[in-house]
């Protein structure tokens, strides 16, 4: 571990992690953590040694000029900390990097060592997968955990996935075996528009994270970017009759599957969020807030998060292999 600064003393810390690569369709998850760093001006205090975990022929370093001096940025995973203000301030330990090329168990153990040293109370790992979901509907977000008690208390799915997994799944299992409560949140990204960025999926992840850890997250320009993204995809789809027809088919399947989920509880949850943002206040007391409903399971997706029958993800979103169903998908990443 390369320590860039002294380890800070934290208040009720939660670790939020995301990794570019197989588990990051549309770069939605890594962009969410980058947003938190930017909005709360995160201070990097540590980084993993790139030599230990990365194949530089797969993830190449980049050269840049700094005041006329050439410097190199190495691919790695960095930890930063942000303090969320309010009546009850708390700290978030943000972990953002690239899925490692090797020594995954050592990689996870090193992150868990920091979690233990910092007194982290909960680890939340963000992921995104390619799925059969229409871009015109709300982004499906699935929350899963390997801890049955945690699943009951936080209204999450207990993962039952079996099959190939990525660093998200490996880290969650490492947390479970180390006795550290861990949750994975998964966003389903339309496989027919998989290229990054996907601000709509990033926004959905942040909204779900906000509900999960009871903090108000400043969204900045994300809502506007998400609307612009959807308008752009609408226009592209309208230019191709086959794509438009396919999107309509996905919409009908999604609406039919989610009809039972359009409950008063779900509506109340969205209304709570609206009031919080309108009034500029923090989240309501956890004892008074409506328990978030279990995330819906979009139809037509099977497998593990990060895997899809489509292989169109570019950049960090390269999920490949199998299509995944949110809920089971997420299950994959626990």
Protein backbone atom coordinates (compact mmCIF):
# COMPACT_ATOMS: atom_id res chain seq x y z
CA UNK A 1 0.00 0.00 0.00
CA UNK A 2 1.29 3.46 -0.91
CA UNK A 3 0.13 5.96 1.72
CA UNK A 4 -0.19 9.41 0.21
CA UNK A 5 -1.24 11.10 3.43
CA UNK A 6 -1.95 10.12 6.99
CA UNK A 7 -5.06 8.02 7.53
CA UNK A 8 -7.81 10.34 8.82
CA UNK A 9 -10.03 9.74 11.82
CA UNK A 10 -13.53 9.14 10.49
CA UNK A 11 -17.10 9.45 11.74
CA UNK A 12 -19.47 6.48 11.13
CA UNK A 13 -17.67 5.65 7.86
CA UNK A 14 -19.22 3.82 4.92
CA UNK A 15 -16.98 2.54 2.12
CA UNK A 16 -18.38 3.04 -1.41
CA UNK A 17 -16.45 1.29 -4.19
CA UNK A 18 -16.63 0.94 -7.97
CA UNK A 19 -14.26 -0.52 -10.54
CA UNK A 20 -13.89 0.13 -14.24
CA UNK A 21 -14.08 -2.90 -16.50
CA UNK A 22 -16.26 -5.97 -16.62
CA UNK A 23 -18.71 -4.83 -13.93
CA UNK A 24 -19.12 -1.25 -15.18
CA UNK A 25 -21.44 -1.16 -18.20
CA UNK A 26 -21.67 2.35 -19.62
CA UNK A 27 -19.11 3.44 -16.99
CA UNK A 28 -22.17 4.04 -14.81
CA UNK A 29 -20.72 2.77 -11.52
CA UNK A 30 -17.24 4.31 -11.71
CA UNK A 31 -18.80 7.61 -12.82
CA UNK A 32 -21.05 7.55 -9.75
CA UNK A 33 -18.07 7.35 -7.39
CA UNK A 34 -16.21 9.97 -9.43
CA UNK A 35 -19.26 12.22 -9.01
CA UNK A 36 -19.14 11.81 -5.23
CA UNK A 37 -15.43 12.67 -5.21
CA UNK A 38 -16.01 15.76 -7.33
CA UNK A 39 -19.09 17.09 -5.54
CA UNK A 40 -17.65 16.58 -2.06
CA UNK A 41 -14.04 17.39 -3.02
CA UNK A 42 -12.64 14.05 -1.92
CA UNK A 43 -9.06 13.95 -0.67
CA UNK A 44 -7.03 10.93 -1.78
CA UNK A 45 -5.14 9.45 1.15
CA UNK A 46 -3.94 6.10 -0.20
CA UNK A 47 -3.43 4.10 -3.38
CA UNK A 48 -2.71 0.45 -4.09
CA UNK A 49 0.65 -0.34 -5.63
CA UNK A 50 -0.06 -0.73 -9.35
CA UNK A 51 2.85 -3.17 -9.74
CA UNK A 52 1.06 -5.69 -7.53
CA UNK A 53 -2.25 -5.95 -9.33
CA UNK A 54 -2.19 -4.66 -12.91
CA UNK A 55 -0.93 -5.95 -16.24
CA UNK A 56 0.29 -2.78 -17.95
CA UNK A 57 -0.19 -4.32 -21.38
CA UNK A 58 -3.91 -4.59 -20.56
CA UNK A 59 -4.29 -1.33 -18.64
CA UNK A 60 -1.57 0.94 -19.97
CA UNK A 61 -0.14 3.94 -18.12
CA UNK A 62 -0.64 7.37 -19.65
CA UNK A 63 1.90 10.15 -20.16
CA UNK A 64 1.04 13.81 -19.60
CA UNK A 65 2.80 17.16 -19.37
CA UNK A 66 2.85 19.03 -16.07
CA UNK A 67 4.47 22.44 -16.32
CA UNK A 68 6.69 21.26 -19.12
CA UNK A 69 7.67 18.08 -17.27
CA UNK A 70 6.57 14.70 -18.61
CA UNK A 71 4.87 12.53 -16.00
CA UNK A 72 3.19 9.12 -15.98
CA UNK A 73 -0.12 8.14 -14.42
CA UNK A 74 -0.25 4.45 -13.54
CA UNK A 75 -3.51 2.48 -13.56
CA UNK A 76 -4.43 1.67 -9.97
CA UNK A 77 -7.09 1.92 -7.27
CA UNK A 78 -7.21 4.99 -5.03
CA UNK A 79 -8.97 5.69 -1.76
CA UNK A 80 -10.33 9.11 -0.86
CA UNK A 81 -12.46 10.39 1.98
CA UNK A 82 -15.32 12.88 2.02
CA UNK A 83 -17.30 14.26 4.94
CA UNK A 84 -21.06 14.59 4.54
CA UNK A 85 -22.32 17.47 6.68
CA UNK A 86 -25.67 17.93 8.41
CA UNK A 87 -27.02 17.34 11.88
CA UNK A 88 -25.30 13.97 12.00
CA UNK A 89 -22.13 14.18 9.86
CA UNK A 90 -20.53 11.02 8.60
CA UNK A 91 -17.64 10.11 6.34
CA UNK A 92 -17.56 8.16 3.10
CA UNK A 93 -14.44 6.26 2.06
CA UNK A 94 -14.53 6.25 -1.74
CA UNK A 95 -12.70 3.49 -3.60
CA UNK A 96 -12.31 4.01 -7.34
CA UNK A 97 -10.07 2.08 -9.67
CA UNK A 98 -9.82 -0.55 -12.35
CA UNK A 99 -10.65 -4.23 -11.98
CA UNK A 100 -7.25 -5.79 -11.20
CA UNK A 101 -5.52 -8.13 -13.62
CA UNK A 102 -4.13 -10.47 -10.97
CA UNK A 103 -3.93 -11.38 -7.25
CA UNK A 104 -7.59 -10.61 -6.54
CA UNK A 105 -7.54 -12.13 -3.07
CA UNK A 106 -4.60 -9.98 -2.00
CA UNK A 107 -6.28 -6.98 -3.59
CA UNK A 108 -9.45 -7.54 -1.54
CA UNK A 109 -7.49 -8.24 1.64
CA UNK A 110 -5.64 -4.94 1.25
CA UNK A 111 -8.90 -3.02 0.86
CA UNK A 112 -10.37 -4.85 3.84
CA UNK A 113 -7.30 -3.95 5.87
CA UNK A 114 -8.09 -0.30 5.28
CA UNK A 115 -11.77 -0.85 6.03
CA UNK A 116 -10.81 -2.40 9.38
CA UNK A 117 -8.28 0.31 10.22
CA UNK A 118 -10.77 3.07 9.41
CA UNK A 119 -13.65 1.48 11.30
CA UNK A 120 -15.86 1.09 8.23
CA UNK A 121 -19.36 -0.01 9.24
CA UNK A 122 -20.70 -0.92 5.79
CA UNK A 123 -19.23 -1.56 2.34
CA UNK A 124 -21.38 -0.63 -0.67
CA UNK A 125 -20.08 -1.79 -4.05
CA UNK A 126 -21.58 -0.26 -7.19
CA UNK A 127 -21.85 -2.13 -10.48
CA UNK A 128 -23.59 -1.90 -13.83
CA UNK A 129 -24.55 -4.62 -16.29
CA UNK A 130 -26.00 -4.90 -19.78
CA UNK A 131 -29.60 -6.03 -19.86
CA UNK A 132 -32.82 -6.19 -21.86
CA UNK A 133 -34.19 -2.95 -20.45
CA UNK A 134 -35.64 -0.01 -22.42
CA UNK A 135 -33.91 3.36 -22.14
CA UNK A 136 -37.30 5.06 -21.84
CA UNK A 137 -38.13 3.55 -18.45
CA UNK A 138 -36.57 4.08 -15.00
CA UNK A 139 -33.24 2.29 -14.66
CA UNK A 140 -33.66 -0.97 -12.71
CA UNK A 141 -31.48 -0.96 -9.60
CA UNK A 142 -30.98 -4.20 -7.71
CA UNK A 143 -29.51 -4.41 -4.23
CA UNK A 144 -28.05 -7.70 -3.04
CA UNK A 145 -26.06 -9.10 -0.15
CA UNK A 146 -24.74 -12.46 1.01
CA UNK A 147 -25.84 -11.72 4.58
CA UNK A 148 -29.37 -13.01 5.27
CA UNK A 149 -29.81 -10.76 8.32
CA UNK A 150 -28.61 -7.70 6.42
CA UNK A 151 -30.98 -8.57 3.56
CA UNK A 152 -33.92 -8.52 5.97
CA UNK A 153 -32.89 -5.34 7.77
CA UNK A 154 -32.13 -3.32 4.63
CA UNK A 155 -34.81 -4.82 2.37
CA UNK A 156 -32.31 -6.33 -0.08
CA UNK A 157 -32.16 -9.51 -2.12
CA UNK A 158 -30.09 -12.33 -0.68
CA UNK A 159 -27.88 -13.43 -3.53
CA UNK A 160 -28.28 -16.92 -4.94
CA UNK A 161 -26.21 -16.43 -8.08
CA UNK A 162 -23.85 -19.17 -9.29
CA UNK A 163 -21.46 -18.64 -12.18
CA UNK A 164 -18.58 -16.42 -13.35
CA UNK A 165 -18.04 -13.26 -11.33
CA UNK A 166 -15.97 -10.09 -11.35
CA UNK A 167 -14.12 -8.12 -8.71
CA UNK A 168 -17.44 -6.81 -7.35
CA UNK A 169 -18.57 -10.33 -6.47
CA UNK A 170 -15.17 -11.33 -5.11
CA UNK A 171 -14.89 -8.24 -2.89
CA UNK A 172 -18.40 -8.71 -1.53
CA UNK A 173 -17.68 -12.31 -0.59
CA UNK A 174 -14.37 -11.27 0.99
CA UNK A 175 -16.29 -8.75 3.11
CA UNK A 176 -18.79 -11.41 4.15
CA UNK A 177 -16.07 -13.85 5.23
CA UNK A 178 -14.31 -11.05 7.14
CA UNK A 179 -17.52 -10.15 8.98
CA UNK A 180 -17.87 -6.76 7.29
CA UNK A 181 -21.46 -5.95 6.19
CA UNK A 182 -21.48 -5.53 2.41
CA UNK A 183 -24.06 -4.66 -0.23
CA UNK A 184 -23.91 -4.53 -4.02
CA UNK A 185 -26.07 -2.11 -6.01
CA UNK A 186 -26.51 -2.90 -9.70
CA UNK A 187 -27.82 -0.73 -12.51
CA UNK A 188 -29.16 -2.39 -15.68
CA UNK A 189 -27.94 -0.57 -18.81
CA UNK A 190 -29.74 -1.08 -22.18
CA UNK A 191 -27.52 -3.38 -24.21
CA UNK A 192 -28.43 -1.60 -27.45
CA UNK A 193 -26.93 1.67 -26.17
CA UNK A 194 -24.05 0.39 -24.07
CA UNK A 195 -21.35 2.92 -24.84
CA UNK A 196 -20.41 5.32 -22.04
CA UNK A 197 -21.36 7.63 -20.56
CA UNK A 198 -24.79 6.72 -19.25
CA UNK A 199 -25.78 9.53 -16.87
CA UNK A 200 -29.26 8.08 -16.41
CA UNK A 201 -27.84 4.86 -14.91
CA UNK A 202 -25.34 6.84 -12.82
CA UNK A 203 -28.16 8.99 -11.46
CA UNK A 204 -30.23 5.91 -10.58
CA UNK A 205 -27.31 4.37 -8.67
CA UNK A 206 -26.77 7.56 -6.68
CA UNK A 207 -30.47 7.82 -5.82
CA UNK A 208 -30.48 4.24 -4.54
CA UNK A 209 -27.25 4.82 -2.60
CA UNK A 210 -28.81 7.91 -1.03
CA UNK A 211 -31.73 5.86 0.23
CA UNK A 212 -29.50 3.05 1.45
CA UNK A 213 -27.08 5.07 3.59
CA UNK A 214 -29.36 7.98 4.54
CA UNK A 215 -27.33 10.85 3.14
CA UNK A 216 -28.36 13.56 0.74
CA UNK A 217 -26.18 13.43 -2.37
CA UNK A 218 -25.76 16.64 -4.42
CA UNK A 219 -26.61 15.69 -7.99
CA UNK A 220 -25.27 18.75 -9.81
CA UNK A 221 -25.97 18.55 -13.53
CA UNK A 222 -26.67 14.81 -13.56
CA UNK A 223 -30.49 15.10 -13.85
CA UNK A 224 -30.14 17.43 -16.83
CA UNK A 225 -27.50 15.19 -18.40
CA UNK A 226 -29.77 12.16 -17.92
CA UNK A 227 -32.65 13.92 -19.68
CA UNK A 228 -30.39 14.99 -22.53
CA UNK A 229 -29.07 11.44 -22.85
CA UNK A 230 -32.56 10.00 -23.13
CA UNK A 231 -33.62 12.60 -25.70
CA UNK A 232 -30.56 11.76 -27.77
CA UNK A 233 -31.26 8.01 -27.64
CA UNK A 234 -34.93 8.70 -28.49
CA UNK A 235 -33.84 10.52 -31.62
CA UNK A 236 -31.46 7.76 -32.67
CA UNK A 237 -34.11 5.08 -32.11
CA UNK A 238 -36.69 7.04 -34.09
CA UNK A 239 -34.39 7.00 -37.11
CA UNK A 240 -34.41 3.18 -37.27
CA UNK A 241 -37.80 1.46 -37.43
CA UNK A 242 -36.39 -1.88 -36.27
CA UNK A 243 -34.79 -0.33 -33.20
CA UNK A 244 -37.98 1.62 -32.44
CA UNK A 245 -40.03 -1.57 -32.67
CA UNK A 246 -37.57 -3.42 -30.43
CA UNK A 247 -37.67 -0.66 -27.83
CA UNK A 248 -41.48 -0.81 -27.85
CA UNK A 249 -41.32 -4.56 -27.23
CA UNK A 250 -39.01 -4.01 -24.26
CA UNK A 251 -41.32 -1.31 -22.92
CA UNK A 252 -44.35 -3.59 -23.05
CA UNK A 253 -42.48 -6.42 -21.33
CA UNK A 254 -41.14 -4.08 -18.65
CA UNK A 255 -44.52 -2.46 -17.98
CA UNK A 256 -46.22 -5.83 -17.67
CA UNK A 257 -43.55 -7.18 -15.32
CA UNK A 258 -43.56 -4.10 -13.09
CA UNK A 259 -47.31 -3.55 -12.81
CA UNK A 260 -47.48 -5.23 -9.38
CA UNK A 261 -44.54 -3.11 -8.21
CA UNK A 262 -46.33 0.21 -8.80
CA UNK A 263 -47.29 0.28 -5.14
CA UNK A 264 -48.05 3.16 -2.83
CA UNK A 265 -44.80 2.35 -1.03
CA UNK A 266 -42.75 2.96 -4.17
CA UNK A 267 -44.61 6.20 -4.90
CA UNK A 268 -44.08 7.39 -1.33
CA UNK A 269 -40.35 6.75 -1.63
CA UNK A 270 -40.07 8.94 -4.73
CA UNK A 271 -42.21 11.64 -3.11
CA UNK A 272 -39.92 11.66 -0.07
CA UNK A 273 -36.92 12.25 -2.31
CA UNK A 274 -38.71 15.09 -4.10
CA UNK A 275 -39.58 16.83 -0.81
CA UNK A 276 -36.04 16.46 0.51
CA UNK A 277 -34.58 18.14 -2.56
CA UNK A 278 -37.26 20.83 -2.75
CA UNK A 279 -36.81 21.82 0.88
CA UNK A 280 -33.03 21.54 0.75
CA UNK A 281 -32.95 19.48 3.90
CA UNK A 282 -31.40 16.19 4.78
CA UNK A 283 -33.14 12.83 4.72
CA UNK A 284 -35.92 12.15 7.20
CA UNK A 285 -35.23 10.28 10.38
CA UNK A 286 -34.52 6.62 9.49
CA UNK A 287 -37.26 5.56 11.88
CA UNK A 288 -39.81 7.68 10.01
CA UNK A 289 -38.87 7.02 6.42
CA UNK A 290 -40.65 4.55 4.24
CA UNK A 291 -38.73 1.35 3.75
CA UNK A 292 -37.63 1.17 0.15
CA UNK A 293 -39.38 -1.61 -1.77
CA UNK A 294 -37.41 -4.45 -3.22
CA UNK A 295 -36.13 -3.51 -6.65
CA UNK A 296 -38.21 -4.83 -9.55
CA UNK A 297 -36.87 -7.67 -11.67
CA UNK A 298 -36.89 -6.70 -15.33
CA UNK A 299 -37.82 -9.52 -17.62
CA UNK A 300 -35.65 -11.17 -20.22
CA UNK A 301 -32.35 -11.04 -18.35
CA UNK A 302 -30.48 -13.95 -16.87
CA UNK A 303 -27.03 -14.49 -15.50
CA UNK A 304 -24.52 -12.38 -13.62
CA UNK A 305 -24.03 -8.66 -13.43
CA UNK A 306 -21.63 -7.45 -15.96
CA UNK A 307 -22.46 -10.20 -18.40
CA UNK A 308 -24.66 -9.87 -21.43
CA UNK A 309 -25.48 -11.65 -24.62
CA UNK A 310 -24.50 -8.38 -26.23
CA UNK A 311 -20.85 -7.42 -26.23
CA UNK A 312 -21.22 -3.83 -27.27
CA UNK A 313 -19.94 -2.19 -24.12
CA UNK A 314 -16.96 -0.03 -24.78
CA UNK A 315 -14.26 1.35 -22.54
CA UNK A 316 -14.88 0.33 -18.96
CA UNK A 317 -18.23 -1.22 -19.71
CA UNK A 318 -17.00 -4.34 -21.40
CA UNK A 319 -19.37 -6.88 -20.04
CA UNK A 320 -19.42 -10.00 -22.12
CA UNK A 321 -20.63 -13.53 -22.16
CA UNK A 322 -24.09 -13.83 -20.71
CA UNK A 323 -27.14 -11.68 -20.34
CA UNK A 324 -28.08 -10.89 -16.80
CA UNK A 325 -31.25 -10.36 -14.90
CA UNK A 326 -31.18 -7.61 -12.30
CA UNK A 327 -31.82 -9.25 -9.04
CA UNK A 328 -30.15 -12.47 -10.13
CA UNK A 329 -27.55 -10.43 -11.85
CA UNK A 330 -26.80 -8.52 -8.81
CA UNK A 331 -26.87 -11.68 -7.02
CA UNK A 332 -24.00 -12.56 -9.14
CA UNK A 333 -21.95 -9.82 -7.77
CA UNK A 334 -22.14 -10.59 -4.15
